[in-house]
């Protein structure tokens, strides 16, 4: 397991990383996870994917 702290867009473009676990509060989920969905990375989220319909667009982006 390769730990990482910082900008999630760097994680999204790392070819050694296949899956990302995101454990941030709902208001930060979209910003943290959208680079991974754009890069087609698999992911697991610990919190709900948003607190509004707008923030819940993560589900659509992951399809």
Protein backbone atom coordinates (compact mmCIF):
# COMPACT_ATOMS: atom_id res chain seq x y z
CA UNK A 1 0.00 0.00 0.00
CA UNK A 2 1.38 3.35 -1.03
CA UNK A 3 0.26 6.13 1.36
CA UNK A 4 -0.29 9.57 -0.09
CA UNK A 5 -1.13 12.98 1.30
CA UNK A 6 -1.82 16.02 -0.83
CA UNK A 7 -3.45 16.84 -4.13
CA UNK A 8 -5.67 14.00 -5.34
CA UNK A 9 -5.05 14.88 -8.98
CA UNK A 10 -1.51 13.56 -8.50
CA UNK A 11 -2.95 10.28 -7.24
CA UNK A 12 -5.28 10.08 -10.24
CA UNK A 13 -2.37 10.18 -12.67
CA UNK A 14 -0.08 7.76 -10.81
CA UNK A 15 0.05 4.56 -12.91
CA UNK A 16 1.04 2.49 -9.86
CA UNK A 17 -2.26 3.24 -8.10
CA UNK A 18 -5.27 1.15 -9.14
CA UNK A 19 -7.72 1.98 -6.35
CA UNK A 20 -8.23 4.95 -4.05
CA UNK A 21 -9.84 5.03 -0.60
CA UNK A 22 -11.25 8.46 0.22
CA UNK A 23 -12.18 9.15 3.84
CA UNK A 24 -13.14 12.82 4.03
CA UNK A 25 -16.32 14.52 5.21
CA UNK A 26 -19.11 14.96 2.66
CA UNK A 27 -18.44 18.66 1.90
CA UNK A 28 -14.93 17.74 0.68
CA UNK A 29 -15.82 14.55 -1.19
CA UNK A 30 -16.43 16.04 -4.64
CA UNK A 31 -13.15 17.94 -4.76
CA UNK A 32 -11.21 14.94 -3.46
CA UNK A 33 -12.77 12.34 -5.73
CA UNK A 34 -13.50 13.94 -9.11
CA UNK A 35 -9.90 13.62 -10.39
CA UNK A 36 -10.06 9.87 -9.66
CA UNK A 37 -13.37 9.42 -11.47
CA UNK A 38 -12.03 11.36 -14.46
CA UNK A 39 -8.99 9.05 -14.52
CA UNK A 40 -11.28 5.98 -14.29
CA UNK A 41 -9.71 4.81 -11.01
CA UNK A 42 -11.63 2.42 -8.79
CA UNK A 43 -12.51 3.95 -5.45
CA UNK A 44 -14.11 3.36 -2.07
CA UNK A 45 -15.69 6.21 -0.13
CA UNK A 46 -16.30 6.01 3.60
CA UNK A 47 -18.80 8.88 3.88
CA UNK A 48 -21.88 9.71 1.80
CA UNK A 49 -20.88 11.12 -1.58
CA UNK A 50 -22.42 14.51 -0.89
CA UNK A 51 -24.91 16.55 1.08
CA UNK A 52 -26.86 17.80 -1.94
CA UNK A 53 -27.87 16.59 -5.40
CA UNK A 54 -25.17 18.77 -6.95
CA UNK A 55 -22.47 17.15 -4.84
CA UNK A 56 -23.89 13.70 -5.55
CA UNK A 57 -22.79 14.00 -9.19
CA UNK A 58 -19.88 11.75 -8.19
CA UNK A 59 -22.20 8.78 -8.79
CA UNK A 60 -22.84 9.90 -12.38
CA UNK A 61 -19.15 10.60 -12.99
CA UNK A 62 -18.21 7.11 -11.83
CA UNK A 63 -20.41 5.36 -14.42
